[in-house]
Amino acid sequence: MTRPKNNNFRLTLSEDKTLVQLTVKVSSPEKAAELYEGLEQVIIQMMRVDLELDWEEDHPDES
């Protein structure tokens, strides 16, 4: 599989550091859907880990 050459990524953080934006220009709608699904899974996993850490902090004797 050849490496895609038409993907452009831009990651920004707002001045007040409350907003993170990722903009990706891809070569096709199919690539966009594939990237979206992959990023969605990564974000879901990050949220799960964050929730687990919060629970462990709130219940130190139950871990």
C-alpha atoms as a PDB file:
ATOM      1  CA  MET A   1       0.000   0.000   0.000  1.00  0.00           C
ATOM      2  CA  THR A   2       1.399   3.371  -0.940  1.00  0.00           C
ATOM      3  CA  ARG A   3       1.491   6.178   1.548  1.00  0.00           C
ATOM      4  CA  PRO A   4      -1.167   8.863   0.931  1.00  0.00           C
ATOM      5  CA  LYS A   5       0.333  12.132  -0.244  1.00  0.00           C
ATOM      6  CA  ASN A   6      -2.749  14.331  -0.251  1.00  0.00           C
ATOM      7  CA  ASN A   7      -3.562  14.320   3.467  1.00  0.00           C
ATOM      8  CA  ASN A   8      -2.938  17.599   5.253  1.00  0.00           C
ATOM      9  CA  PHE A   9      -3.325  17.893   9.023  1.00  0.00           C
ATOM     10  CA  ARG A  10      -3.804  21.044  11.070  1.00  0.00           C
ATOM     11  CA  LEU A  11      -4.010  20.955  14.871  1.00  0.00           C
ATOM     12  CA  THR A  12      -4.767  24.164  16.765  1.00  0.00           C
ATOM     13  CA  LEU A  13      -5.284  25.219  20.370  1.00  0.00           C
ATOM     14  CA  SER A  14      -7.306  28.334  21.143  1.00  0.00           C
ATOM     15  CA  GLU A  15      -5.705  31.249  22.964  1.00  0.00           C
ATOM     16  CA  ASP A  16      -7.677  30.530  26.132  1.00  0.00           C
ATOM     17  CA  LYS A  17      -6.678  26.844  25.847  1.00  0.00           C
ATOM     18  CA  THR A  18     -10.266  25.580  26.010  1.00  0.00           C
ATOM     19  CA  LEU A  19     -10.654  24.428  22.416  1.00  0.00           C
ATOM     20  CA  VAL A  20      -8.597  21.957  20.403  1.00  0.00           C
ATOM     21  CA  GLN A  21      -9.339  21.651  16.700  1.00  0.00           C
ATOM     22  CA  LEU A  22      -8.099  19.076  14.229  1.00  0.00           C
ATOM     23  CA  THR A  23      -8.689  19.729  10.554  1.00  0.00           C
ATOM     24  CA  VAL A  24      -7.700  17.100   8.025  1.00  0.00           C
ATOM     25  CA  LYS A  25      -7.889  17.488   4.254  1.00  0.00           C
ATOM     26  CA  VAL A  26      -7.992  14.044   2.675  1.00  0.00           C
ATOM     27  CA  SER A  27      -7.830  12.728  -0.846  1.00  0.00           C
ATOM     28  CA  SER A  28     -11.304  11.163  -1.016  1.00  0.00           C
ATOM     29  CA  PRO A  29     -14.623  10.769   0.795  1.00  0.00           C
ATOM     30  CA  GLU A  30     -13.706   7.155   1.509  1.00  0.00           C
ATOM     31  CA  LYS A  31     -10.477   8.206   3.216  1.00  0.00           C
ATOM     32  CA  ALA A  32     -12.407  10.813   5.203  1.00  0.00           C
ATOM     33  CA  ALA A  33     -14.856   8.180   6.463  1.00  0.00           C
ATOM     34  CA  GLU A  34     -12.011   5.800   7.345  1.00  0.00           C
ATOM     35  CA  LEU A  35     -10.115   8.514   9.208  1.00  0.00           C
ATOM     36  CA  TYR A  36     -13.273   9.667  11.005  1.00  0.00           C
ATOM     37  CA  GLU A  37     -14.060   6.162  12.237  1.00  0.00           C
ATOM     38  CA  GLY A  38     -10.499   5.628  13.436  1.00  0.00           C
ATOM     39  CA  LEU A  39     -10.352   8.947  15.272  1.00  0.00           C
ATOM     40  CA  GLU A  40     -13.762   8.326  16.805  1.00  0.00           C
ATOM     41  CA  GLN A  41     -12.504   5.033  18.279  1.00  0.00           C
ATOM     42  CA  VAL A  42      -9.373   6.710  19.666  1.00  0.00           C
ATOM     43  CA  ILE A  43     -11.464   9.445  21.320  1.00  0.00           C
ATOM     44  CA  ILE A  44     -13.872   6.894  22.798  1.00  0.00           C
ATOM     45  CA  GLN A  45     -10.946   4.933  24.254  1.00  0.00           C
ATOM     46  CA  MET A  46      -9.417   8.119  25.708  1.00  0.00           C
ATOM     47  CA  MET A  47     -12.744   8.980  27.356  1.00  0.00           C
ATOM     48  CA  ARG A  48     -12.988   5.466  28.858  1.00  0.00           C
ATOM     49  CA  VAL A  49      -9.497   5.730  30.337  1.00  0.00           C
ATOM     50  CA  ASP A  50     -10.299   9.176  31.742  1.00  0.00           C
ATOM     51  CA  LEU A  51     -13.509   7.885  33.342  1.00  0.00           C
ATOM     52  CA  GLU A  52     -11.675   4.897  34.820  1.00  0.00           C
ATOM     53  CA  LEU A  53      -9.015   7.163  36.328  1.00  0.00           C
ATOM     54  CA  ASP A  54     -11.701   9.449  37.778  1.00  0.00           C
ATOM     55  CA  TRP A  55     -13.449   6.444  39.326  1.00  0.00           C
ATOM     56  CA  GLU A  56     -10.204   5.156  40.828  1.00  0.00           C
ATOM     57  CA  GLU A  57      -9.500   8.591  42.342  1.00  0.00           C
ATOM     58  CA  ASP A  58     -13.002   8.723  43.838  1.00  0.00           C
ATOM     59  CA  HIS A  59     -12.857   5.116  45.149  1.00  0.00           C
ATOM     60  CA  PRO A  60      -9.240   4.423  46.176  1.00  0.00           C
ATOM     61  CA  ASP A  61     -10.133   1.484  48.446  1.00  0.00           C
ATOM     62  CA  GLU A  62     -12.154  -0.332  45.772  1.00  0.00           C
ATOM     63  CA  SER A  63      -9.467  -0.609  43.070  1.00  0.00           C
END
